[in-house]
Amino acid sequence: MADATSKSYFWKGFRDGTPFIFVAIPFGTLFGVFAAEAGLEIVQVVAFSATVFAGAAQFTALQLLQENAPTAIVLASALAVNLRVAMYSASLTPFLGAAPMWQRACAAYLTVDQSYACSIVQFEKEPKMTVPQRMAYFIGSVTPITPCWILATYLGAVLGTRIPESWALDFALPITFLAMLGPMMRTLPHVIAALVALVVSLLAVSVPFNLGLVIAGTAGMIAGAQAEVILDRRKAHA
């Protein structure tokens, strides 16, 4: 019965994660095109996506490499962009931390924006789910995205510059994040963090090597955390 229930949660996660393929495919294709234009071989492009498996970090590293940025800046910027995944992991630990080590290792590799967004909403909505059920849902939510992402980067690398600019594939990145962020803006600290990050990113747009995004993200996290502390203090004194 437990196995059947876990299987049903896997397919529920699969269904919840499937809509994201409509942004993963153009997003991955766009990365493949950019990587090919930057001089990477097809094997390198596919290996890049399969090993890093982090679209925003991949774009960041690729752009900085094209600008001949120092290696230390490339690595630091890519890691900074991916710091949100560390926060995702911390947020998921109470739900998945009791799973076997090999399952947690798989989950670590598959922790991306889409799998986190689907899973955290589901886990909070059904807090009585068992650990196997949660892990099944988590894996299910990212199963339709992973092969599509890698295949799309391959197709992008093969097609290269043959894709016309009129297709505007670069819409995929902002649309993906908007689709994930909207349902997660549930509290005032969340909104404050987003607004502060937005304002700082506009003010820091001229900072070289796209480091303005790192500054904006840090400012947003600090603002959100501080807002949460203030609200907790007010509730305690109420």
C-alpha atoms as a PDB file:
ATOM      1  CA  MET A   1       0.000   0.000   0.000  1.00  0.00           C
ATOM      2  CA  ALA A   2       2.850   2.372   0.872  1.00  0.00           C
ATOM      3  CA  ASP A   3       4.563   1.634  -2.451  1.00  0.00           C
ATOM      4  CA  ALA A   4       1.333   2.252  -4.358  1.00  0.00           C
ATOM      5  CA  THR A   5       0.812   5.520  -2.495  1.00  0.00           C
ATOM      6  CA  SER A   6       4.387   6.628  -3.206  1.00  0.00           C
ATOM      7  CA  LYS A   7       3.841   5.765  -6.865  1.00  0.00           C
ATOM      8  CA  SER A   8       0.696   7.883  -6.961  1.00  0.00           C
ATOM      9  CA  TYR A   9       2.605  10.809  -5.467  1.00  0.00           C
ATOM     10  CA  PHE A  10       5.336  10.338  -8.075  1.00  0.00           C
ATOM     11  CA  TRP A  11       2.771  10.714 -10.844  1.00  0.00           C
ATOM     12  CA  LYS A  12       1.178  13.668  -9.085  1.00  0.00           C
ATOM     13  CA  GLY A  13       4.580  15.350  -9.002  1.00  0.00           C
ATOM     14  CA  PHE A  14       5.072  14.415 -12.658  1.00  0.00           C
ATOM     15  CA  ARG A  15       1.793  16.103 -13.581  1.00  0.00           C
ATOM     16  CA  ASP A  16       2.609  19.199 -11.520  1.00  0.00           C
ATOM     17  CA  GLY A  17       6.068  19.514 -13.064  1.00  0.00           C
ATOM     18  CA  THR A  18       5.016  18.880 -16.674  1.00  0.00           C
ATOM     19  CA  PRO A  19       3.891  22.465 -17.479  1.00  0.00           C
ATOM     20  CA  PHE A  20       7.445  23.666 -16.863  1.00  0.00           C
ATOM     21  CA  ILE A  21       8.680  21.814 -19.948  1.00  0.00           C
ATOM     22  CA  PHE A  22       7.100  24.586 -22.022  1.00  0.00           C
ATOM     23  CA  VAL A  23       9.686  26.988 -20.630  1.00  0.00           C
ATOM     24  CA  ALA A  24      12.511  24.477 -20.109  1.00  0.00           C
ATOM     25  CA  ILE A  25      12.585  23.601 -23.820  1.00  0.00           C
ATOM     26  CA  PRO A  26      13.008  27.149 -25.220  1.00  0.00           C
ATOM     27  CA  PHE A  27      15.263  28.082 -22.284  1.00  0.00           C
ATOM     28  CA  GLY A  28      17.502  25.064 -22.886  1.00  0.00           C
ATOM     29  CA  THR A  29      17.462  25.626 -26.633  1.00  0.00           C
ATOM     30  CA  LEU A  30      18.527  29.214 -26.118  1.00  0.00           C
ATOM     31  CA  PHE A  31      21.449  28.119 -23.950  1.00  0.00           C
ATOM     32  CA  GLY A  32      22.500  25.620 -26.603  1.00  0.00           C
ATOM     33  CA  VAL A  33      22.424  28.325 -29.262  1.00  0.00           C
ATOM     34  CA  PHE A  34      24.413  30.784 -27.151  1.00  0.00           C
ATOM     35  CA  ALA A  35      26.946  28.129 -26.158  1.00  0.00           C
ATOM     36  CA  ALA A  36      27.467  27.098 -29.780  1.00  0.00           C
ATOM     37  CA  GLU A  37      27.909  30.737 -30.793  1.00  0.00           C
ATOM     38  CA  ALA A  38      30.466  31.096 -27.994  1.00  0.00           C
ATOM     39  CA  GLY A  39      32.541  28.327 -29.566  1.00  0.00           C
ATOM     40  CA  LEU A  40      31.654  25.304 -27.422  1.00  0.00           C
ATOM     41  CA  GLU A  41      31.443  21.912 -29.124  1.00  0.00           C
ATOM     42  CA  ILE A  42      28.170  19.977 -29.002  1.00  0.00           C
ATOM     43  CA  VAL A  43      29.620  17.465 -26.530  1.00  0.00           C
ATOM     44  CA  GLN A  44      30.760  20.309 -24.283  1.00  0.00           C
ATOM     45  CA  VAL A  45      27.336  21.963 -24.394  1.00  0.00           C
ATOM     46  CA  VAL A  46      25.519  18.760 -23.438  1.00  0.00           C
ATOM     47  CA  ALA A  47      28.068  17.947 -20.719  1.00  0.00           C
ATOM     48  CA  PHE A  48      27.698  21.491 -19.378  1.00  0.00           C
ATOM     49  CA  SER A  49      23.930  21.080 -19.000  1.00  0.00           C
ATOM     50  CA  ALA A  50      24.075  17.507 -17.692  1.00  0.00           C
ATOM     51  CA  THR A  51      26.682  18.181 -15.020  1.00  0.00           C
ATOM     52  CA  VAL A  52      25.825  21.704 -13.890  1.00  0.00           C
ATOM     53  CA  PHE A  53      22.051  21.390 -14.451  1.00  0.00           C
ATOM     54  CA  ALA A  54      21.448  24.996 -13.410  1.00  0.00           C
ATOM     55  CA  GLY A  55      20.236  27.229 -16.203  1.00  0.00           C
ATOM     56  CA  ALA A  56      20.773  30.639 -14.619  1.00  0.00           C
ATOM     57  CA  ALA A  57      24.297  29.734 -13.472  1.00  0.00           C
ATOM     58  CA  GLN A  58      25.103  28.336 -16.918  1.00  0.00           C
ATOM     59  CA  PHE A  59      24.024  31.542 -18.656  1.00  0.00           C
ATOM     60  CA  THR A  60      25.960  33.616 -16.144  1.00  0.00           C
ATOM     61  CA  ALA A  61      29.164  31.632 -16.599  1.00  0.00           C
ATOM     62  CA  LEU A  62      28.814  31.600 -20.387  1.00  0.00           C
ATOM     63  CA  GLN A  63      28.283  35.352 -20.621  1.00  0.00           C
ATOM     64  CA  LEU A  64      31.253  36.090 -18.383  1.00  0.00           C
ATOM     65  CA  LEU A  65      33.444  33.720 -20.382  1.00  0.00           C
ATOM     66  CA  GLN A  66      32.485  35.602 -23.541  1.00  0.00           C
ATOM     67  CA  GLU A  67      33.488  38.849 -21.822  1.00  0.00           C
ATOM     68  CA  ASN A  68      36.884  37.297 -20.945  1.00  0.00           C
ATOM     69  CA  ALA A  69      36.225  37.778 -17.254  1.00  0.00           C
ATOM     70  CA  PRO A  70      38.795  36.307 -14.840  1.00  0.00           C
ATOM     71  CA  THR A  71      38.178  32.667 -13.959  1.00  0.00           C
ATOM     72  CA  ALA A  72      37.704  33.548 -10.296  1.00  0.00           C
ATOM     73  CA  ILE A  73      34.928  36.007 -11.229  1.00  0.00           C
ATOM     74  CA  VAL A  74      33.231  33.414 -13.447  1.00  0.00           C
ATOM     75  CA  LEU A  75      33.253  30.783 -10.703  1.00  0.00           C
ATOM     76  CA  ALA A  76      32.232  33.204  -7.952  1.00  0.00           C
ATOM     77  CA  SER A  77      29.369  34.637 -10.009  1.00  0.00           C
ATOM     78  CA  ALA A  78      28.034  31.223 -11.011  1.00  0.00           C
ATOM     79  CA  LEU A  79      28.200  30.042  -7.412  1.00  0.00           C
ATOM     80  CA  ALA A  80      26.525  33.228  -6.191  1.00  0.00           C
ATOM     81  CA  VAL A  81      23.661  32.801  -8.667  1.00  0.00           C
ATOM     82  CA  ASN A  82      23.252  29.243  -7.431  1.00  0.00           C
ATOM     83  CA  LEU A  83      23.297  30.171  -3.740  1.00  0.00           C
ATOM     84  CA  ARG A  84      19.514  30.109  -3.866  1.00  0.00           C
ATOM     85  CA  VAL A  85      19.775  26.339  -4.286  1.00  0.00           C
ATOM     86  CA  ALA A  86      21.479  26.155  -0.885  1.00  0.00           C
ATOM     87  CA  MET A  87      18.470  27.962   0.556  1.00  0.00           C
ATOM     88  CA  TYR A  88      16.171  25.567  -1.273  1.00  0.00           C
ATOM     89  CA  SER A  89      18.065  22.646   0.276  1.00  0.00           C
ATOM     90  CA  ALA A  90      17.784  24.121   3.764  1.00  0.00           C
ATOM     91  CA  SER A  91      14.056  24.632   3.235  1.00  0.00           C
ATOM     92  CA  LEU A  92      13.576  21.041   2.013  1.00  0.00           C
ATOM     93  CA  THR A  93      15.677  19.401   4.749  1.00  0.00           C
ATOM     94  CA  PRO A  94      12.828  19.164   7.312  1.00  0.00           C
ATOM     95  CA  PHE A  95      10.790  17.287   4.707  1.00  0.00           C
ATOM     96  CA  LEU A  96      13.442  15.103   3.016  1.00  0.00           C
ATOM     97  CA  GLY A  97      16.273  14.981   5.566  1.00  0.00           C
ATOM     98  CA  ALA A  98      15.276  11.554   6.893  1.00  0.00           C
ATOM     99  CA  ALA A  99      15.537   9.888   3.476  1.00  0.00           C
ATOM    100  CA  PRO A 100      18.428   7.462   2.730  1.00  0.00           C
ATOM    101  CA  MET A 101      21.727   9.050   1.722  1.00  0.00           C
ATOM    102  CA  TRP A 102      21.549   7.916  -1.919  1.00  0.00           C
ATOM    103  CA  GLN A 103      18.091   9.438  -2.283  1.00  0.00           C
ATOM    104  CA  ARG A 104      19.255  12.716  -0.763  1.00  0.00           C
ATOM    105  CA  ALA A 105      22.223  12.727  -3.158  1.00  0.00           C
ATOM    106  CA  CYS A 106      19.845  12.331  -6.105  1.00  0.00           C
ATOM    107  CA  ALA A 107      17.596  15.050  -4.693  1.00  0.00           C
ATOM    108  CA  ALA A 108      20.591  17.383  -4.327  1.00  0.00           C
ATOM    109  CA  TYR A 109      21.433  16.988  -8.014  1.00  0.00           C
ATOM    110  CA  LEU A 110      17.787  17.473  -9.023  1.00  0.00           C
ATOM    111  CA  THR A 111      17.104  20.493  -6.805  1.00  0.00           C
ATOM    112  CA  VAL A 112      16.223  23.240  -9.258  1.00  0.00           C
ATOM    113  CA  ASP A 113      13.754  26.097  -9.201  1.00  0.00           C
ATOM    114  CA  GLN A 114      10.908  24.045 -10.629  1.00  0.00           C
ATOM    115  CA  SER A 115      11.306  20.982  -8.400  1.00  0.00           C
ATOM    116  CA  TYR A 116      11.599  23.180  -5.327  1.00  0.00           C
ATOM    117  CA  ALA A 117       8.624  25.364  -6.216  1.00  0.00           C
ATOM    118  CA  CYS A 118       6.352  22.365  -6.821  1.00  0.00           C
ATOM    119  CA  SER A 119       7.569  20.372  -3.829  1.00  0.00           C
ATOM    120  CA  ILE A 120       7.530  23.017  -1.115  1.00  0.00           C
ATOM    121  CA  VAL A 121       3.950  23.972  -1.989  1.00  0.00           C
ATOM    122  CA  GLN A 122       2.875  20.322  -1.950  1.00  0.00           C
ATOM    123  CA  PHE A 123       4.684  19.490   1.316  1.00  0.00           C
ATOM    124  CA  GLU A 124       3.179  22.462   3.111  1.00  0.00           C
ATOM    125  CA  LYS A 125      -0.262  21.677   1.726  1.00  0.00           C
ATOM    126  CA  GLU A 126      -0.106  18.029   2.885  1.00  0.00           C
ATOM    127  CA  PRO A 127       2.118  17.974   6.002  1.00  0.00           C
ATOM    128  CA  LYS A 128       1.169  14.356   6.819  1.00  0.00           C
ATOM    129  CA  MET A 129       2.956  12.941   3.777  1.00  0.00           C
ATOM    130  CA  THR A 130       5.572  10.301   4.655  1.00  0.00           C
ATOM    131  CA  VAL A 131       9.227  10.752   3.665  1.00  0.00           C
ATOM    132  CA  PRO A 132       8.974   8.151   0.838  1.00  0.00           C
ATOM    133  CA  GLN A 133       5.887   9.932  -0.470  1.00  0.00           C
ATOM    134  CA  ARG A 134       7.641  13.297  -0.359  1.00  0.00           C
ATOM    135  CA  MET A 135      10.701  11.941  -2.125  1.00  0.00           C
ATOM    136  CA  ALA A 136       8.519  10.280  -4.761  1.00  0.00           C
ATOM    137  CA  TYR A 137       6.708  13.555  -5.384  1.00  0.00           C
ATOM    138  CA  PHE A 138       9.981  15.508  -5.544  1.00  0.00           C
ATOM    139  CA  ILE A 139      11.535  13.129  -8.085  1.00  0.00           C
ATOM    140  CA  GLY A 140       8.309  13.078 -10.070  1.00  0.00           C
ATOM    141  CA  SER A 141       8.167  16.865 -10.288  1.00  0.00           C
ATOM    142  CA  VAL A 142      11.569  17.087 -11.965  1.00  0.00           C
ATOM    143  CA  THR A 143      11.348  13.938 -14.127  1.00  0.00           C
ATOM    144  CA  PRO A 144       9.651  15.597 -17.121  1.00  0.00           C
ATOM    145  CA  ILE A 145      12.019  18.579 -16.995  1.00  0.00           C
ATOM    146  CA  THR A 146      15.445  16.899 -16.814  1.00  0.00           C
ATOM    147  CA  PRO A 147      15.525  15.046 -20.170  1.00  0.00           C
ATOM    148  CA  CYS A 148      13.797  17.966 -21.923  1.00  0.00           C
ATOM    149  CA  TRP A 149      16.440  20.395 -20.626  1.00  0.00           C
ATOM    150  CA  ILE A 150      19.374  18.276 -21.795  1.00  0.00           C
ATOM    151  CA  LEU A 151      17.750  17.430 -25.146  1.00  0.00           C
ATOM    152  CA  ALA A 152      16.866  21.085 -25.738  1.00  0.00           C
ATOM    153  CA  THR A 153      20.445  22.222 -25.148  1.00  0.00           C
ATOM    154  CA  TYR A 154      21.608  19.580 -27.632  1.00  0.00           C
ATOM    155  CA  LEU A 155      19.109  20.781 -30.239  1.00  0.00           C
ATOM    156  CA  GLY A 156      20.126  24.388 -29.611  1.00  0.00           C
ATOM    157  CA  ALA A 157      23.791  23.527 -30.102  1.00  0.00           C
ATOM    158  CA  VAL A 158      23.003  21.668 -33.333  1.00  0.00           C
ATOM    159  CA  LEU A 159      20.742  24.375 -34.716  1.00  0.00           C
ATOM    160  CA  GLY A 160      23.058  27.169 -33.641  1.00  0.00           C
ATOM    161  CA  THR A 161      22.383  30.393 -35.482  1.00  0.00           C
ATOM    162  CA  ARG A 162      19.678  28.843 -37.688  1.00  0.00           C
ATOM    163  CA  ILE A 163      16.984  29.825 -35.175  1.00  0.00           C
ATOM    164  CA  PRO A 164      15.595  33.245 -36.198  1.00  0.00           C
ATOM    165  CA  GLU A 165      15.664  36.048 -33.650  1.00  0.00           C
ATOM    166  CA  SER A 166      11.944  36.598 -34.288  1.00  0.00           C
ATOM    167  CA  TRP A 167      11.241  33.459 -32.223  1.00  0.00           C
ATOM    168  CA  ALA A 168      12.344  35.426 -29.144  1.00  0.00           C
ATOM    169  CA  LEU A 169      13.398  32.362 -27.158  1.00  0.00           C
ATOM    170  CA  ASP A 170      14.912  34.608 -24.501  1.00  0.00           C
ATOM    171  CA  PHE A 171      11.411  35.081 -23.067  1.00  0.00           C
ATOM    172  CA  ALA A 172      11.747  31.717 -21.313  1.00  0.00           C
ATOM    173  CA  LEU A 173      13.961  32.826 -18.427  1.00  0.00           C
ATOM    174  CA  PRO A 174      11.819  35.681 -17.043  1.00  0.00           C
ATOM    175  CA  ILE A 175       8.591  33.766 -17.673  1.00  0.00           C
ATOM    176  CA  THR A 176       9.927  30.759 -15.749  1.00  0.00           C
ATOM    177  CA  PHE A 177      10.823  32.804 -12.688  1.00  0.00           C
ATOM    178  CA  LEU A 178       7.574  34.782 -12.766  1.00  0.00           C
ATOM    179  CA  ALA A 179       5.574  31.550 -12.908  1.00  0.00           C
ATOM    180  CA  MET A 180       7.414  30.218  -9.865  1.00  0.00           C
ATOM    181  CA  LEU A 181       7.585  33.412  -7.840  1.00  0.00           C
ATOM    182  CA  GLY A 182       3.924  34.403  -8.114  1.00  0.00           C
ATOM    183  CA  PRO A 183       2.463  31.563  -5.985  1.00  0.00           C
ATOM    184  CA  MET A 184       5.296  31.910  -3.446  1.00  0.00           C
ATOM    185  CA  MET A 185       4.593  35.568  -2.593  1.00  0.00           C
ATOM    186  CA  ARG A 186       2.479  34.526   0.399  1.00  0.00           C
ATOM    187  CA  THR A 187       3.858  36.744   3.172  1.00  0.00           C
ATOM    188  CA  LEU A 188       4.943  40.365   3.613  1.00  0.00           C
ATOM    189  CA  PRO A 189       8.653  39.428   4.056  1.00  0.00           C
ATOM    190  CA  HIS A 190       8.523  37.602   0.718  1.00  0.00           C
ATOM    191  CA  VAL A 191       7.130  40.675  -1.004  1.00  0.00           C
ATOM    192  CA  ILE A 192       9.645  42.989   0.693  1.00  0.00           C
ATOM    193  CA  ALA A 193      12.558  40.747  -0.324  1.00  0.00           C
ATOM    194  CA  ALA A 194      11.378  40.714  -3.939  1.00  0.00           C
ATOM    195  CA  LEU A 195      10.847  44.483  -4.097  1.00  0.00           C
ATOM    196  CA  VAL A 196      14.214  45.307  -2.501  1.00  0.00           C
ATOM    197  CA  ALA A 197      16.018  42.919  -4.873  1.00  0.00           C
ATOM    198  CA  LEU A 198      14.198  44.499  -7.823  1.00  0.00           C
ATOM    199  CA  VAL A 199      15.101  48.072  -6.848  1.00  0.00           C
ATOM    200  CA  VAL A 200      18.738  47.257  -6.049  1.00  0.00           C
ATOM    201  CA  SER A 201      19.156  45.316  -9.302  1.00  0.00           C
ATOM    202  CA  LEU A 202      18.017  48.395 -11.250  1.00  0.00           C
ATOM    203  CA  LEU A 203      20.350  50.665  -9.293  1.00  0.00           C
ATOM    204  CA  ALA A 204      23.285  48.274  -9.721  1.00  0.00           C
ATOM    205  CA  VAL A 205      22.741  47.542 -13.408  1.00  0.00           C
ATOM    206  CA  SER A 206      26.055  49.189 -14.334  1.00  0.00           C
ATOM    207  CA  VAL A 207      28.175  47.074 -11.992  1.00  0.00           C
ATOM    208  CA  PRO A 208      30.594  45.042 -14.150  1.00  0.00           C
ATOM    209  CA  PHE A 209      30.449  41.284 -14.702  1.00  0.00           C
ATOM    210  CA  ASN A 210      26.725  41.207 -13.722  1.00  0.00           C
ATOM    211  CA  LEU A 211      27.721  41.406 -10.076  1.00  0.00           C
ATOM    212  CA  GLY A 212      24.798  43.763  -9.560  1.00  0.00           C
ATOM    213  CA  LEU A 213      22.540  40.710  -9.508  1.00  0.00           C
ATOM    214  CA  VAL A 214      24.575  39.231  -6.666  1.00  0.00           C
ATOM    215  CA  ILE A 215      24.326  42.500  -4.750  1.00  0.00           C
ATOM    216  CA  ALA A 216      20.579  42.694  -5.399  1.00  0.00           C
ATOM    217  CA  GLY A 217      19.977  39.108  -4.309  1.00  0.00           C
ATOM    218  CA  THR A 218      21.946  39.625  -1.114  1.00  0.00           C
ATOM    219  CA  ALA A 219      20.071  42.854  -0.340  1.00  0.00           C
ATOM    220  CA  GLY A 220      16.744  41.140  -0.955  1.00  0.00           C
ATOM    221  CA  MET A 221      17.566  38.247   1.379  1.00  0.00           C
ATOM    222  CA  ILE A 222      18.716  40.608   4.124  1.00  0.00           C
ATOM    223  CA  ALA A 223      15.607  42.765   3.764  1.00  0.00           C
ATOM    224  CA  GLY A 224      13.283  39.763   3.820  1.00  0.00           C
ATOM    225  CA  ALA A 225      14.974  38.238   6.845  1.00  0.00           C
ATOM    226  CA  GLN A 226      14.919  41.546   8.708  1.00  0.00           C
ATOM    227  CA  ALA A 227      11.238  42.052   7.907  1.00  0.00           C
ATOM    228  CA  GLU A 228      10.466  38.591   9.260  1.00  0.00           C
ATOM    229  CA  VAL A 229      12.355  39.339  12.489  1.00  0.00           C
ATOM    230  CA  ILE A 230      10.458  42.611  12.975  1.00  0.00           C
ATOM    231  CA  LEU A 231       7.097  40.933  12.358  1.00  0.00           C
ATOM    232  CA  ASP A 232       7.932  38.120  14.793  1.00  0.00           C
ATOM    233  CA  ARG A 233       8.839  40.689  17.469  1.00  0.00           C
ATOM    234  CA  ARG A 234       5.569  42.531  16.959  1.00  0.00           C
ATOM    235  CA  LYS A 235       3.605  39.301  17.275  1.00  0.00           C
ATOM    236  CA  ALA A 236       5.480  38.430  20.462  1.00  0.00           C
ATOM    237  CA  HIS A 237       4.643  41.795  22.018  1.00  0.00           C
ATOM    238  CA  ALA A 238       1.028  41.799  20.836  1.00  0.00           C
END
